Amino acid sequence: AGGIAEMAEMGEHVRKRTDALDAAGNTTAAIGKGFAIGSAALVSLALFGGFLTNATTSKVGTQLSPANTMVVNPMVVAFLLVGAMLPYAFSAFTMKSVGKAALEMVEEIRRQIRNEPGILTGEKEPDYQSCIQISTKSSLKEMIVPGALVILSPIVTGIFFGPVAIAGLLPGALVSGVQMAISYSNT
């Protein structure tokens, strides 16, 4: 609200009121983020507990005993580290995707300005639809790799390394992901 009031060159009394609204909105957003992160962490922890309970009572139960899932097991330690890297890899792929999509958008805007110089003076309307199409197409296309990473990593780990490896991968990703969520929400 404060930015809009400033761009509209409204008076100082309006700016004071919008600053108060901005402060209240920012506080509410921060509290909401905290609740979202906390609830996501608790749900993830409950799902991990469900995995351990289900895995120990099914056919793989002989392989996934409490003794095998201790941190002294090298397989668990190795996949704790792999799991801890997954949120960072996901974030890197996602940020790279956003950069690619933004570059495509910039190239389209430059093309439009080059072809129609009247856009800069306001004589001609830009082609908004092409920018929307680029944004939509890029957002869907570029999220394939991060989405595949999240979905396929536990499946591939389970197929090739077994449930003990998943018992390391999941808590590693959980702890690292919660830490990243807290860090990202405060930047």
C-alpha atoms as a PDB file:
ATOM      1  CA  ALA A   1       0.000   0.000   0.000  1.00  0.00           C
ATOM      2  CA  GLY A   2       2.844   2.375   0.803  1.00  0.00           C
ATOM      3  CA  GLY A   3       4.476   1.843  -2.558  1.00  0.00           C
ATOM      4  CA  ILE A   4       1.242   2.568  -4.399  1.00  0.00           C
ATOM      5  CA  ALA A   5       0.686   5.739  -2.364  1.00  0.00           C
ATOM      6  CA  GLU A   6       4.225   6.881  -3.112  1.00  0.00           C
ATOM      7  CA  MET A   7       3.974   6.184  -6.853  1.00  0.00           C
ATOM      8  CA  ALA A   8       0.636   8.004  -6.975  1.00  0.00           C
ATOM      9  CA  GLU A   9       2.327  10.981  -5.261  1.00  0.00           C
ATOM     10  CA  MET A  10      -0.288  11.127  -2.533  1.00  0.00           C
ATOM     11  CA  GLY A  11       0.164  13.299   0.541  1.00  0.00           C
ATOM     12  CA  GLU A  12       2.252  12.560   3.614  1.00  0.00           C
ATOM     13  CA  HIS A  13      -0.838  11.806   5.727  1.00  0.00           C
ATOM     14  CA  VAL A  14      -1.780   8.989   3.315  1.00  0.00           C
ATOM     15  CA  ARG A  15       1.742   7.620   3.460  1.00  0.00           C
ATOM     16  CA  LYS A  16       1.645   7.452   7.278  1.00  0.00           C
ATOM     17  CA  ARG A  17      -1.572   5.436   7.188  1.00  0.00           C
ATOM     18  CA  THR A  18      -0.305   3.073   4.523  1.00  0.00           C
ATOM     19  CA  ASP A  19       2.919   2.511   6.491  1.00  0.00           C
ATOM     20  CA  ALA A  20       0.835   1.322   9.446  1.00  0.00           C
ATOM     21  CA  LEU A  21      -1.122  -1.003   7.154  1.00  0.00           C
ATOM     22  CA  ASP A  22       2.101  -2.323   5.613  1.00  0.00           C
ATOM     23  CA  ALA A  23       3.547  -3.070   9.056  1.00  0.00           C
ATOM     24  CA  ALA A  24       0.418  -4.960  10.097  1.00  0.00           C
ATOM     25  CA  GLY A  25       0.397  -6.898   6.833  1.00  0.00           C
ATOM     26  CA  ASN A  26       4.068  -7.833   7.112  1.00  0.00           C
ATOM     27  CA  THR A  27       3.595  -9.038  10.695  1.00  0.00           C
ATOM     28  CA  THR A  28       0.592 -11.126   9.710  1.00  0.00           C
ATOM     29  CA  ALA A  29       2.491 -12.616   6.768  1.00  0.00           C
ATOM     30  CA  ALA A  30       5.447 -13.550   8.988  1.00  0.00           C
ATOM     31  CA  ILE A  31       3.180 -15.240  11.527  1.00  0.00           C
ATOM     32  CA  GLY A  32       1.381 -17.104   8.750  1.00  0.00           C
ATOM     33  CA  LYS A  33       4.688 -18.332   7.330  1.00  0.00           C
ATOM     34  CA  GLY A  34       5.733 -19.571  10.758  1.00  0.00           C
ATOM     35  CA  PHE A  35       2.518 -21.537  11.197  1.00  0.00           C
ATOM     36  CA  ALA A  36       2.808 -22.989   7.686  1.00  0.00           C
ATOM     37  CA  ILE A  37       6.400 -24.110   8.240  1.00  0.00           C
ATOM     38  CA  GLY A  38       5.596 -25.605  11.645  1.00  0.00           C
ATOM     39  CA  SER A  39       2.576 -27.512  10.409  1.00  0.00           C
ATOM     40  CA  ALA A  40       4.463 -28.784   7.348  1.00  0.00           C
ATOM     41  CA  ALA A  41       7.284 -30.006   9.599  1.00  0.00           C
ATOM     42  CA  LEU A  42       4.864 -31.820  11.901  1.00  0.00           C
ATOM     43  CA  VAL A  43       3.018 -33.430   8.993  1.00  0.00           C
ATOM     44  CA  SER A  44       6.324 -34.548   7.453  1.00  0.00           C
ATOM     45  CA  LEU A  45       7.411 -36.019  10.766  1.00  0.00           C
ATOM     46  CA  ALA A  46       4.093 -37.868  11.090  1.00  0.00           C
ATOM     47  CA  LEU A  47       4.432 -39.225   7.543  1.00  0.00           C
ATOM     48  CA  PHE A  48       7.956 -40.429   8.328  1.00  0.00           C
ATOM     49  CA  GLY A  49       6.623 -42.161  11.441  1.00  0.00           C
ATOM     50  CA  GLY A  50       3.933 -43.745   9.282  1.00  0.00           C
ATOM     51  CA  PHE A  51       6.596 -44.946   6.850  1.00  0.00           C
ATOM     52  CA  LEU A  52       8.616 -46.550   9.645  1.00  0.00           C
ATOM     53  CA  THR A  53       5.537 -48.202  11.147  1.00  0.00           C
ATOM     54  CA  ASN A  54       4.308 -49.499   7.809  1.00  0.00           C
ATOM     55  CA  ALA A  55       7.731 -50.646   6.624  1.00  0.00           C
ATOM     56  CA  THR A  56       8.500 -52.586   9.809  1.00  0.00           C
ATOM     57  CA  THR A  57       5.175 -54.456   9.695  1.00  0.00           C
ATOM     58  CA  SER A  58       5.243 -55.345   5.982  1.00  0.00           C
ATOM     59  CA  LYS A  59       7.406 -57.791   4.015  1.00  0.00           C
ATOM     60  CA  VAL A  60      10.436 -55.544   4.303  1.00  0.00           C
ATOM     61  CA  GLY A  61      10.143 -55.628   8.097  1.00  0.00           C
ATOM     62  CA  THR A  62      13.028 -58.057   8.473  1.00  0.00           C
ATOM     63  CA  GLN A  63      15.319 -55.608   6.709  1.00  0.00           C
ATOM     64  CA  LEU A  64      14.000 -52.487   8.447  1.00  0.00           C
ATOM     65  CA  SER A  65      14.433 -53.288  12.113  1.00  0.00           C
ATOM     66  CA  PRO A  66      15.092 -50.579  14.698  1.00  0.00           C
ATOM     67  CA  ALA A  67      18.716 -51.741  14.876  1.00  0.00           C
ATOM     68  CA  ASN A  68      19.163 -51.169  11.124  1.00  0.00           C
ATOM     69  CA  THR A  69      17.777 -47.638  11.218  1.00  0.00           C
ATOM     70  CA  MET A  70      20.169 -46.307  13.849  1.00  0.00           C
ATOM     71  CA  VAL A  71      22.553 -43.535  12.881  1.00  0.00           C
ATOM     72  CA  VAL A  72      25.533 -45.874  13.334  1.00  0.00           C
ATOM     73  CA  ASN A  73      24.442 -47.726  10.177  1.00  0.00           C
ATOM     74  CA  PRO A  74      26.606 -46.419   7.294  1.00  0.00           C
ATOM     75  CA  MET A  75      23.705 -46.710   4.830  1.00  0.00           C
ATOM     76  CA  VAL A  76      21.509 -44.509   7.030  1.00  0.00           C
ATOM     77  CA  VAL A  77      24.273 -41.918   7.466  1.00  0.00           C
ATOM     78  CA  ALA A  78      25.018 -41.821   3.738  1.00  0.00           C
ATOM     79  CA  PHE A  79      21.384 -41.276   2.828  1.00  0.00           C
ATOM     80  CA  LEU A  80      20.890 -38.765   5.634  1.00  0.00           C
ATOM     81  CA  LEU A  81      23.444 -36.667   3.757  1.00  0.00           C
ATOM     82  CA  VAL A  82      21.801 -37.340   0.388  1.00  0.00           C
ATOM     83  CA  GLY A  83      18.426 -36.396   1.854  1.00  0.00           C
ATOM     84  CA  ALA A  84      19.911 -33.234   3.357  1.00  0.00           C
ATOM     85  CA  MET A  85      21.111 -32.225  -0.119  1.00  0.00           C
ATOM     86  CA  LEU A  86      17.716 -32.720  -1.806  1.00  0.00           C
ATOM     87  CA  PRO A  87      16.074 -29.448  -0.652  1.00  0.00           C
ATOM     88  CA  TYR A  88      19.146 -27.514  -1.797  1.00  0.00           C
ATOM     89  CA  ALA A  89      19.113 -29.234  -5.193  1.00  0.00           C
ATOM     90  CA  PHE A  90      15.376 -28.575  -5.520  1.00  0.00           C
ATOM     91  CA  SER A  91      15.889 -24.901  -4.683  1.00  0.00           C
ATOM     92  CA  ALA A  92      18.768 -24.596  -7.139  1.00  0.00           C
ATOM     93  CA  PHE A  93      16.746 -26.152  -9.965  1.00  0.00           C
ATOM     94  CA  THR A  94      13.765 -23.956  -9.126  1.00  0.00           C
ATOM     95  CA  MET A  95      15.804 -20.751  -9.032  1.00  0.00           C
ATOM     96  CA  LYS A  96      17.483 -21.655 -12.309  1.00  0.00           C
ATOM     97  CA  SER A  97      14.037 -22.245 -13.813  1.00  0.00           C
ATOM     98  CA  VAL A  98      12.836 -18.834 -12.659  1.00  0.00           C
ATOM     99  CA  GLY A  99      15.920 -17.256 -14.210  1.00  0.00           C
ATOM    100  CA  LYS A 100      15.294 -18.975 -17.536  1.00  0.00           C
ATOM    101  CA  ALA A 101      11.644 -17.932 -17.562  1.00  0.00           C
ATOM    102  CA  ALA A 102      12.580 -14.332 -16.717  1.00  0.00           C
ATOM    103  CA  LEU A 103      15.156 -14.286 -19.521  1.00  0.00           C
ATOM    104  CA  GLU A 104      12.562 -15.508 -22.021  1.00  0.00           C
ATOM    105  CA  MET A 105      10.210 -12.764 -20.836  1.00  0.00           C
ATOM    106  CA  VAL A 106      12.912 -10.089 -21.170  1.00  0.00           C
ATOM    107  CA  GLU A 107      13.742 -11.273 -24.694  1.00  0.00           C
ATOM    108  CA  GLU A 108      10.060 -11.060 -25.684  1.00  0.00           C
ATOM    109  CA  ILE A 109       9.737  -7.558 -24.235  1.00  0.00           C
ATOM    110  CA  ARG A 110      12.885  -6.429 -26.060  1.00  0.00           C
ATOM    111  CA  ARG A 111      11.551  -7.923 -29.290  1.00  0.00           C
ATOM    112  CA  GLN A 112       8.267  -6.070 -28.918  1.00  0.00           C
ATOM    113  CA  ILE A 113      10.002  -2.756 -28.194  1.00  0.00           C
ATOM    114  CA  ARG A 114      12.382  -3.260 -31.123  1.00  0.00           C
ATOM    115  CA  ASN A 115       9.508  -4.021 -33.520  1.00  0.00           C
ATOM    116  CA  GLU A 116       7.122  -1.362 -32.138  1.00  0.00           C
ATOM    117  CA  PRO A 117       8.996   1.661 -30.672  1.00  0.00           C
ATOM    118  CA  GLY A 118       5.635   3.310 -29.973  1.00  0.00           C
ATOM    119  CA  ILE A 119       5.244   1.034 -26.946  1.00  0.00           C
ATOM    120  CA  LEU A 120       7.743   3.144 -24.975  1.00  0.00           C
ATOM    121  CA  THR A 121       5.859   6.386 -25.648  1.00  0.00           C
ATOM    122  CA  GLY A 122       2.464   4.852 -24.917  1.00  0.00           C
ATOM    123  CA  GLU A 123       1.200   5.254 -28.492  1.00  0.00           C
ATOM    124  CA  LYS A 124       0.940   1.505 -28.990  1.00  0.00           C
ATOM    125  CA  GLU A 125      -0.238  -1.228 -26.607  1.00  0.00           C
ATOM    126  CA  PRO A 126       2.217  -4.085 -25.962  1.00  0.00           C
ATOM    127  CA  ASP A 127       1.203  -7.675 -26.682  1.00  0.00           C
ATOM    128  CA  TYR A 128       0.433  -8.842 -23.152  1.00  0.00           C
ATOM    129  CA  GLN A 129      -0.886 -12.198 -24.327  1.00  0.00           C
ATOM    130  CA  SER A 130       2.498 -13.348 -25.638  1.00  0.00           C
ATOM    131  CA  CYS A 131       4.114 -12.522 -22.276  1.00  0.00           C
ATOM    132  CA  ILE A 132       1.406 -14.438 -20.426  1.00  0.00           C
ATOM    133  CA  GLN A 133       1.895 -17.384 -22.771  1.00  0.00           C
ATOM    134  CA  ILE A 134       5.672 -17.357 -22.249  1.00  0.00           C
ATOM    135  CA  SER A 135       5.229 -17.175 -18.481  1.00  0.00           C
ATOM    136  CA  THR A 136       2.725 -20.034 -18.389  1.00  0.00           C
ATOM    137  CA  LYS A 137       4.687 -22.260 -20.766  1.00  0.00           C
ATOM    138  CA  SER A 138       7.995 -21.656 -18.985  1.00  0.00           C
ATOM    139  CA  SER A 139       6.569 -22.215 -15.526  1.00  0.00           C
ATOM    140  CA  LEU A 140       5.141 -25.584 -16.520  1.00  0.00           C
ATOM    141  CA  LYS A 141       8.118 -26.731 -18.591  1.00  0.00           C
ATOM    142  CA  GLU A 142      10.813 -25.629 -16.175  1.00  0.00           C
ATOM    143  CA  MET A 143       9.259 -27.311 -13.125  1.00  0.00           C
ATOM    144  CA  ILE A 144       9.523 -30.801 -14.634  1.00  0.00           C
ATOM    145  CA  VAL A 145      13.067 -31.385 -13.345  1.00  0.00           C
ATOM    146  CA  PRO A 146      12.470 -30.133  -9.764  1.00  0.00           C
ATOM    147  CA  GLY A 147       9.200 -32.058  -9.608  1.00  0.00           C
ATOM    148  CA  ALA A 148      10.851 -35.222 -10.896  1.00  0.00           C
ATOM    149  CA  LEU A 149      13.625 -34.826  -8.317  1.00  0.00           C
ATOM    150  CA  VAL A 150      11.124 -34.717  -5.462  1.00  0.00           C
ATOM    151  CA  ILE A 151       8.983 -37.586  -6.729  1.00  0.00           C
ATOM    152  CA  LEU A 152      11.653 -39.929  -8.062  1.00  0.00           C
ATOM    153  CA  SER A 153      14.386 -39.651  -5.415  1.00  0.00           C
ATOM    154  CA  PRO A 154      12.618 -41.760  -2.736  1.00  0.00           C
ATOM    155  CA  ILE A 155      11.364 -44.220  -5.368  1.00  0.00           C
ATOM    156  CA  VAL A 156      14.804 -44.704  -6.925  1.00  0.00           C
ATOM    157  CA  THR A 157      16.413 -44.886  -3.485  1.00  0.00           C
ATOM    158  CA  GLY A 158      13.953 -47.561  -2.371  1.00  0.00           C
ATOM    159  CA  ILE A 159      14.344 -49.637  -5.536  1.00  0.00           C
ATOM    160  CA  PHE A 160      18.140 -49.589  -5.666  1.00  0.00           C
ATOM    161  CA  PHE A 161      19.125 -49.306  -1.995  1.00  0.00           C
ATOM    162  CA  GLY A 162      16.138 -50.550   0.004  1.00  0.00           C
ATOM    163  CA  PRO A 163      14.070 -49.280   2.906  1.00  0.00           C
ATOM    164  CA  VAL A 164      17.074 -48.658   5.163  1.00  0.00           C
ATOM    165  CA  ALA A 165      18.298 -46.023   2.703  1.00  0.00           C
ATOM    166  CA  ILE A 166      14.852 -44.408   2.659  1.00  0.00           C
ATOM    167  CA  ALA A 167      14.958 -44.395   6.471  1.00  0.00           C
ATOM    168  CA  GLY A 168      17.988 -42.107   6.089  1.00  0.00           C
ATOM    169  CA  LEU A 169      16.833 -40.109   3.061  1.00  0.00           C
ATOM    170  CA  LEU A 170      13.493 -38.956   4.479  1.00  0.00           C
ATOM    171  CA  PRO A 171      14.662 -37.506   7.821  1.00  0.00           C
ATOM    172  CA  GLY A 172      17.658 -35.903   6.107  1.00  0.00           C
ATOM    173  CA  ALA A 173      15.360 -34.112   3.680  1.00  0.00           C
ATOM    174  CA  LEU A 174      12.927 -33.259   6.485  1.00  0.00           C
ATOM    175  CA  VAL A 175      15.468 -31.597   8.763  1.00  0.00           C
ATOM    176  CA  SER A 176      17.247 -29.817   5.927  1.00  0.00           C
ATOM    177  CA  GLY A 177      13.976 -28.710   4.337  1.00  0.00           C
ATOM    178  CA  VAL A 178      12.621 -27.244   7.577  1.00  0.00           C
ATOM    179  CA  GLN A 179      15.869 -25.361   8.141  1.00  0.00           C
ATOM    180  CA  MET A 180      15.727 -23.987   4.590  1.00  0.00           C
ATOM    181  CA  ALA A 181      12.082 -23.003   4.962  1.00  0.00           C
ATOM    182  CA  ILE A 182      12.853 -21.024   8.106  1.00  0.00           C
ATOM    183  CA  SER A 183      15.850 -19.410   6.430  1.00  0.00           C
ATOM    184  CA  TYR A 184      13.976 -18.565   3.220  1.00  0.00           C
ATOM    185  CA  SER A 185      11.023 -17.108   5.078  1.00  0.00           C
ATOM    186  CA  ASN A 186      13.274 -14.600   6.828  1.00  0.00           C
ATOM    187  CA  THR A 187      15.124 -13.277   3.792  1.00  0.00           C
END
